[in-house]
């Protein structure tokens, strides 16, 4: 993973959140995984968070549109 590409600016924090998201214990499981598997878990976590952000934005736009119609 390239440096500076972390969502929170703190790779360990993002790794901990990704491990919790995938229900993998951080010290006993996540850190012992090969680099490729850790990268896959973090990528999955990032995609999920991006999808949640898009959903929230769509809800906001829908509410804004409804208010304009009144």
PDB file of N, CA and C in Angstrom:
ATOM      1  N   UNK A   1       0.845  -1.178   0.000  1.00  0.00           N
ATOM      2  CA  UNK A   1       0.000   0.000   0.000  1.00  0.00           C
ATOM      3  C   UNK A   1       0.888   1.239   0.000  1.00  0.00           C
ATOM      4  N   UNK A   2       0.643   2.166  -0.899  1.00  0.00           N
ATOM      5  CA  UNK A   2       1.495   3.352  -0.964  1.00  0.00           C
ATOM      6  C   UNK A   2       1.310   4.236   0.265  1.00  0.00           C
ATOM      7  N   UNK A   3       2.370   4.867   0.731  1.00  0.00           N
ATOM      8  CA  UNK A   3       2.229   5.757   1.889  1.00  0.00           C
ATOM      9  C   UNK A   3       1.344   6.951   1.566  1.00  0.00           C
ATOM     10  N   UNK A   4       0.607   7.409   2.543  1.00  0.00           N
ATOM     11  CA  UNK A   4      -0.273   8.554   2.330  1.00  0.00           C
ATOM     12  C   UNK A   4      -1.603   8.175   1.716  1.00  0.00           C
ATOM     13  N   UNK A   5      -1.827   6.894   1.447  1.00  0.00           N
ATOM     14  CA  UNK A   5      -3.064   6.447   0.826  1.00  0.00           C
ATOM     15  C   UNK A   5      -4.071   5.981   1.874  1.00  0.00           C
ATOM     16  N   UNK A   6      -3.799   6.237   3.132  1.00  0.00           N
ATOM     17  CA  UNK A   6      -4.674   5.759   4.183  1.00  0.00           C
ATOM     18  C   UNK A   6      -5.787   6.764   4.433  1.00  0.00           C
ATOM     19  N   UNK A   7      -6.963   6.246   4.680  1.00  0.00           N
ATOM     20  CA  UNK A   7      -8.145   7.078   4.822  1.00  0.00           C
ATOM     21  C   UNK A   7      -8.029   8.019   6.015  1.00  0.00           C
ATOM     22  N   UNK A   8      -7.463   7.568   7.118  1.00  0.00           N
ATOM     23  CA  UNK A   8      -7.414   8.367   8.328  1.00  0.00           C
ATOM     24  C   UNK A   8      -6.045   8.983   8.562  1.00  0.00           C
ATOM     25  N   UNK A   9      -5.102   8.775   7.673  1.00  0.00           N
ATOM     26  CA  UNK A   9      -3.766   9.289   7.857  1.00  0.00           C
ATOM     27  C   UNK A   9      -2.971   8.482   8.871  1.00  0.00           C
ATOM     28  N   UNK A  10      -3.580   7.426   9.394  1.00  0.00           N
ATOM     29  CA  UNK A  10      -2.934   6.583  10.391  1.00  0.00           C
ATOM     30  C   UNK A  10      -3.138   5.125   9.971  1.00  0.00           C
ATOM     31  N   UNK A  11      -2.112   4.492   9.394  1.00  0.00           N
ATOM     32  CA  UNK A  11      -2.301   3.132   8.873  1.00  0.00           C
ATOM     33  C   UNK A  11      -2.718   2.134   9.949  1.00  0.00           C
ATOM     34  N   UNK A  12      -2.182   2.259  11.155  1.00  0.00           N
ATOM     35  CA  UNK A  12      -2.547   1.290  12.185  1.00  0.00           C
ATOM     36  C   UNK A  12      -4.020   1.403  12.558  1.00  0.00           C
ATOM     37  N   UNK A  13      -4.527   2.632  12.647  1.00  0.00           N
ATOM     38  CA  UNK A  13      -5.946   2.824  12.951  1.00  0.00           C
ATOM     39  C   UNK A  13      -6.814   2.217  11.870  1.00  0.00           C
ATOM     40  N   UNK A  14      -6.468   2.471  10.612  1.00  0.00           N
ATOM     41  CA  UNK A  14      -7.268   1.916   9.523  1.00  0.00           C
ATOM     42  C   UNK A  14      -7.189   0.391   9.514  1.00  0.00           C
ATOM     43  N   UNK A  15      -6.012  -0.156   9.795  1.00  0.00           N
ATOM     44  CA  UNK A  15      -5.872  -1.610   9.840  1.00  0.00           C
ATOM     45  C   UNK A  15      -6.726  -2.191  10.953  1.00  0.00           C
ATOM     46  N   UNK A  16      -6.753  -1.528  12.113  1.00  0.00           N
ATOM     47  CA  UNK A  16      -7.577  -2.019  13.232  1.00  0.00           C
ATOM     48  C   UNK A  16      -9.057  -1.986  12.861  1.00  0.00           C
ATOM     49  N   UNK A  17      -9.505  -0.903  12.242  1.00  0.00           N
ATOM     50  CA  UNK A  17     -10.901  -0.803  11.832  1.00  0.00           C
ATOM     51  C   UNK A  17     -11.252  -1.847  10.777  1.00  0.00           C
ATOM     52  N   UNK A  18     -10.340  -2.063   9.832  1.00  0.00           N
ATOM     53  CA  UNK A  18     -10.576  -3.067   8.795  1.00  0.00           C
ATOM     54  C   UNK A  18     -10.646  -4.470   9.401  1.00  0.00           C
ATOM     55  N   UNK A  19      -9.777  -4.754  10.361  1.00  0.00           N
ATOM     56  CA  UNK A  19      -9.795  -6.062  11.018  1.00  0.00           C
ATOM     57  C   UNK A  19     -11.104  -6.259  11.766  1.00  0.00           C
ATOM     58  N   UNK A  20     -11.565  -5.230  12.472  1.00  0.00           N
ATOM     59  CA  UNK A  20     -12.836  -5.322  13.188  1.00  0.00           C
ATOM     60  C   UNK A  20     -13.994  -5.493  12.211  1.00  0.00           C
ATOM     61  N   UNK A  21     -13.933  -4.790  11.077  1.00  0.00           N
ATOM     62  CA  UNK A  21     -14.982  -4.880  10.056  1.00  0.00           C
ATOM     63  C   UNK A  21     -15.111  -6.309   9.518  1.00  0.00           C
ATOM     64  N   UNK A  22     -13.971  -6.986   9.352  1.00  0.00           N
ATOM     65  CA  UNK A  22     -13.974  -8.350   8.814  1.00  0.00           C
ATOM     66  C   UNK A  22     -13.982  -9.408   9.923  1.00  0.00           C
ATOM     67  N   UNK A  23     -14.180  -8.985  11.169  1.00  0.00           N
ATOM     68  CA  UNK A  23     -14.261  -9.903  12.312  1.00  0.00           C
ATOM     69  C   UNK A  23     -13.014 -10.759  12.453  1.00  0.00           C
ATOM     70  N   UNK A  24     -11.851 -10.136  12.283  1.00  0.00           N
ATOM     71  CA  UNK A  24     -10.569 -10.827  12.442  1.00  0.00           C
ATOM     72  C   UNK A  24      -9.874 -10.208  13.653  1.00  0.00           C
ATOM     73  N   UNK A  25      -9.430 -10.998  14.632  1.00  0.00           N
ATOM     74  CA  UNK A  25      -8.694 -10.408  15.752  1.00  0.00           C
ATOM     75  C   UNK A  25      -7.423  -9.727  15.245  1.00  0.00           C
ATOM     76  N   UNK A  26      -7.133  -8.544  15.770  1.00  0.00           N
ATOM     77  CA  UNK A  26      -6.038  -7.731  15.225  1.00  0.00           C
ATOM     78  C   UNK A  26      -4.673  -8.374  15.433  1.00  0.00           C
ATOM     79  N   UNK A  27      -4.303  -8.634  16.684  1.00  0.00           N
ATOM     80  CA  UNK A  27      -2.954  -9.141  16.956  1.00  0.00           C
ATOM     81  C   UNK A  27      -2.798 -10.611  16.590  1.00  0.00           C
ATOM     82  N   UNK A  28      -3.784 -11.425  16.914  1.00  0.00           N
ATOM     83  CA  UNK A  28      -3.654 -12.866  16.690  1.00  0.00           C
ATOM     84  C   UNK A  28      -3.905 -13.270  15.247  1.00  0.00           C
ATOM     85  N   UNK A  29      -4.663 -12.482  14.524  1.00  0.00           N
ATOM     86  CA  UNK A  29      -5.008 -12.882  13.169  1.00  0.00           C
ATOM     87  C   UNK A  29      -4.516 -11.943  12.088  1.00  0.00           C
ATOM     88  N   UNK A  30      -4.913 -10.689  12.198  1.00  0.00           N
ATOM     89  CA  UNK A  30      -4.675  -9.738  11.111  1.00  0.00           C
ATOM     90  C   UNK A  30      -3.192  -9.505  10.847  1.00  0.00           C
ATOM     91  N   UNK A  31      -2.424  -9.260  11.900  1.00  0.00           N
ATOM     92  CA  UNK A  31      -1.001  -8.959  11.700  1.00  0.00           C
ATOM     93  C   UNK A  31      -0.204 -10.173  11.240  1.00  0.00           C
ATOM     94  N   UNK A  32      -0.732 -11.364  11.460  1.00  0.00           N
ATOM     95  CA  UNK A  32      -0.029 -12.578  11.043  1.00  0.00           C
ATOM     96  C   UNK A  32      -0.379 -12.997   9.614  1.00  0.00           C
ATOM     97  N   UNK A  33      -1.347 -12.338   9.023  1.00  0.00           N
ATOM     98  CA  UNK A  33      -1.721 -12.663   7.649  1.00  0.00           C
ATOM     99  C   UNK A  33      -0.641 -12.171   6.684  1.00  0.00           C
ATOM    100  N   UNK A  34      -0.546 -12.812   5.519  1.00  0.00           N
ATOM    101  CA  UNK A  34       0.386 -12.298   4.494  1.00  0.00           C
ATOM    102  C   UNK A  34      -0.038 -10.891   4.045  1.00  0.00           C
ATOM    103  N   UNK A  35       0.907 -10.160   3.539  1.00  0.00           N
ATOM    104  CA  UNK A  35       0.668  -8.771   3.124  1.00  0.00           C
ATOM    105  C   UNK A  35      -0.480  -8.652   2.121  1.00  0.00           C
ATOM    106  N   UNK A  36      -0.574  -9.594   1.178  1.00  0.00           N
ATOM    107  CA  UNK A  36      -1.630  -9.530   0.156  1.00  0.00           C
ATOM    108  C   UNK A  36      -3.015  -9.664   0.787  1.00  0.00           C
ATOM    109  N   UNK A  37      -3.139 -10.571   1.767  1.00  0.00           N
ATOM    110  CA  UNK A  37      -4.442 -10.755   2.412  1.00  0.00           C
ATOM    111  C   UNK A  37      -4.820  -9.537   3.252  1.00  0.00           C
ATOM    112  N   UNK A  38      -3.841  -8.955   3.933  1.00  0.00           N
ATOM    113  CA  UNK A  38      -4.117  -7.725   4.692  1.00  0.00           C
ATOM    114  C   UNK A  38      -4.557  -6.617   3.748  1.00  0.00           C
ATOM    115  N   UNK A  39      -3.887  -6.498   2.621  1.00  0.00           N
ATOM    116  CA  UNK A  39      -4.256  -5.465   1.639  1.00  0.00           C
ATOM    117  C   UNK A  39      -5.673  -5.700   1.111  1.00  0.00           C
ATOM    118  N   UNK A  40      -6.047  -6.962   0.916  1.00  0.00           N
ATOM    119  CA  UNK A  40      -7.396  -7.276   0.432  1.00  0.00           C
ATOM    120  C   UNK A  40      -8.450  -6.899   1.470  1.00  0.00           C
ATOM    121  N   UNK A  41      -8.164  -7.169   2.737  1.00  0.00           N
ATOM    122  CA  UNK A  41      -9.109  -6.816   3.806  1.00  0.00           C
ATOM    123  C   UNK A  41      -9.272  -5.301   3.886  1.00  0.00           C
ATOM    124  N   UNK A  42      -8.164  -4.573   3.823  1.00  0.00           N
ATOM    125  CA  UNK A  42      -8.228  -3.105   3.896  1.00  0.00           C
ATOM    126  C   UNK A  42      -8.962  -2.552   2.672  1.00  0.00           C
ATOM    127  N   UNK A  43      -8.727  -3.131   1.510  1.00  0.00           N
ATOM    128  CA  UNK A  43      -9.417  -2.672   0.294  1.00  0.00           C
ATOM    129  C   UNK A  43     -10.919  -2.909   0.407  1.00  0.00           C
ATOM    130  N   UNK A  44     -11.308  -4.069   0.931  1.00  0.00           N
ATOM    131  CA  UNK A  44     -12.725  -4.371   1.125  1.00  0.00           C
ATOM    132  C   UNK A  44     -13.355  -3.367   2.083  1.00  0.00           C
ATOM    133  N   UNK A  45     -12.630  -3.064   3.154  1.00  0.00           N
ATOM    134  CA  UNK A  45     -13.114  -2.097   4.143  1.00  0.00           C
ATOM    135  C   UNK A  45     -13.292  -0.719   3.498  1.00  0.00           C
ATOM    136  N   UNK A  46     -12.316  -0.293   2.706  1.00  0.00           N
ATOM    137  CA  UNK A  46     -12.401   1.018   2.056  1.00  0.00           C
ATOM    138  C   UNK A  46     -13.583   1.091   1.096  1.00  0.00           C
ATOM    139  N   UNK A  47     -13.796   0.030   0.326  1.00  0.00           N
ATOM    140  CA  UNK A  47     -14.929   0.006  -0.611  1.00  0.00           C
ATOM    141  C   UNK A  47     -16.243   0.110   0.145  1.00  0.00           C
ATOM    142  N   UNK A  48     -16.369  -0.643   1.238  1.00  0.00           N
ATOM    143  CA  UNK A  48     -17.591  -0.602   2.036  1.00  0.00           C
ATOM    144  C   UNK A  48     -17.837   0.799   2.591  1.00  0.00           C
ATOM    145  N   UNK A  49     -16.796   1.437   3.112  1.00  0.00           N
ATOM    146  CA  UNK A  49     -16.950   2.780   3.668  1.00  0.00           C
ATOM    147  C   UNK A  49     -17.320   3.785   2.573  1.00  0.00           C
ATOM    148  N   UNK A  50     -16.743   3.623   1.386  1.00  0.00           N
ATOM    149  CA  UNK A  50     -17.069   4.515   0.273  1.00  0.00           C
ATOM    150  C   UNK A  50     -18.533   4.345  -0.131  1.00  0.00           C
ATOM    151  N   UNK A  51     -18.997   3.086  -0.154  1.00  0.00           N
ATOM    152  CA  UNK A  51     -20.402   2.835  -0.497  1.00  0.00           C
ATOM    153  C   UNK A  51     -21.335   3.446   0.549  1.00  0.00           C
ATOM    154  N   UNK A  52     -20.969   3.354   1.824  1.00  0.00           N
ATOM    155  CA  UNK A  52     -21.778   3.963   2.876  1.00  0.00           C
ATOM    156  C   UNK A  52     -21.827   5.473   2.716  1.00  0.00           C
ATOM    157  N   UNK A  53     -20.705   6.071   2.362  1.00  0.00           N
ATOM    158  CA  UNK A  53     -20.664   7.523   2.171  1.00  0.00           C
ATOM    159  C   UNK A  53     -21.548   7.939   0.990  1.00  0.00           C
ATOM    160  N   UNK A  54     -21.518   7.173  -0.080  1.00  0.00           N
ATOM    161  CA  UNK A  54     -22.366   7.468  -1.245  1.00  0.00           C
ATOM    162  C   UNK A  54     -23.832   7.356  -0.865  1.00  0.00           C
ATOM    163  N   UNK A  55     -24.189   6.319  -0.092  1.00  0.00           N
ATOM    164  CA  UNK A  55     -25.572   6.140   0.342  1.00  0.00           C
ATOM    165  C   UNK A  55     -26.021   7.320   1.192  1.00  0.00           C
ATOM    166  N   UNK A  56     -25.167   7.759   2.112  1.00  0.00           N
ATOM    167  CA  UNK A  56     -25.503   8.912   2.948  1.00  0.00           C
ATOM    168  C   UNK A  56     -25.704  10.162   2.093  1.00  0.00           C
ATOM    169  N   UNK A  57     -24.861  10.350   1.091  1.00  0.00           N
ATOM    170  CA  UNK A  57     -24.980  11.513   0.216  1.00  0.00           C
ATOM    171  C   UNK A  57     -26.286  11.464  -0.566  1.00  0.00           C
ATOM    172  N   UNK A  58     -26.661  10.271  -1.034  1.00  0.00           N
ATOM    173  CA  UNK A  58     -27.914  10.140  -1.770  1.00  0.00           C
ATOM    174  C   UNK A  58     -29.112  10.434  -0.869  1.00  0.00           C
ATOM    175  N   UNK A  59     -29.066  10.005   0.385  1.00  0.00           N
ATOM    176  CA  UNK A  59     -30.144  10.328   1.337  1.00  0.00           C
ATOM    177  C   UNK A  59     -30.247  11.833   1.525  1.00  0.00           C
ATOM    178  N   UNK A  60     -29.103  12.477   1.678  1.00  0.00           N
ATOM    179  CA  UNK A  60     -29.077  13.927   1.865  1.00  0.00           C
ATOM    180  C   UNK A  60     -29.682  14.640   0.658  1.00  0.00           C
ATOM    181  N   UNK A  61     -29.295  14.209  -0.532  1.00  0.00           N
ATOM    182  CA  UNK A  61     -29.825  14.841  -1.755  1.00  0.00           C
ATOM    183  C   UNK A  61     -31.325  14.633  -1.871  1.00  0.00           C
ATOM    184  N   UNK A  62     -31.811  13.441  -1.500  1.00  0.00           N
ATOM    185  CA  UNK A  62     -33.241  13.142  -1.583  1.00  0.00           C
ATOM    186  C   UNK A  62     -34.026  14.041  -0.626  1.00  0.00           C
ATOM    187  N   UNK A  63     -33.515  14.206   0.589  1.00  0.00           N
ATOM    188  CA  UNK A  63     -34.179  15.075   1.565  1.00  0.00           C
ATOM    189  C   UNK A  63     -34.190  16.507   1.060  1.00  0.00           C
ATOM    190  N   UNK A  64     -33.067  16.939   0.500  1.00  0.00           N
ATOM    191  CA  UNK A  64     -32.976  18.303  -0.026  1.00  0.00           C
ATOM    192  C   UNK A  64     -33.979  18.510  -1.163  1.00  0.00           C
ATOM    193  N   UNK A  65     -34.110  17.510  -2.031  1.00  0.00           N
ATOM    194  CA  UNK A  65     -35.051  17.588  -3.149  1.00  0.00           C
ATOM    195  C   UNK A  65     -36.485  17.661  -2.638  1.00  0.00           C
ATOM    196  N   UNK A  66     -36.801  16.865  -1.617  1.00  0.00           N
ATOM    197  CA  UNK A  66     -38.159  16.841  -1.064  1.00  0.00           C
ATOM    198  C   UNK A  66     -38.495  18.205  -0.445  1.00  0.00           C
ATOM    199  N   UNK A  67     -37.538  18.818   0.218  1.00  0.00           N
ATOM    200  CA  UNK A  67     -37.785  20.125   0.843  1.00  0.00           C
ATOM    201  C   UNK A  67     -38.039  21.202  -0.208  1.00  0.00           C
ATOM    202  N   UNK A  68     -37.361  21.087  -1.344  1.00  0.00           N
ATOM    203  CA  UNK A  68     -37.545  22.070  -2.411  1.00  0.00           C
ATOM    204  C   UNK A  68     -38.935  21.983  -3.017  1.00  0.00           C
ATOM    205  N   UNK A  69     -39.514  20.795  -3.043  1.00  0.00           N
ATOM    206  CA  UNK A  69     -40.825  20.602  -3.670  1.00  0.00           C
ATOM    207  C   UNK A  69     -41.958  21.211  -2.855  1.00  0.00           C
ATOM    208  N   UNK A  70     -41.761  21.363  -1.549  1.00  0.00           N
ATOM    209  CA  UNK A  70     -42.852  21.866  -0.698  1.00  0.00           C
ATOM    210  C   UNK A  70     -43.233  23.271  -1.003  1.00  0.00           C
TER     211      UNK A  70
END
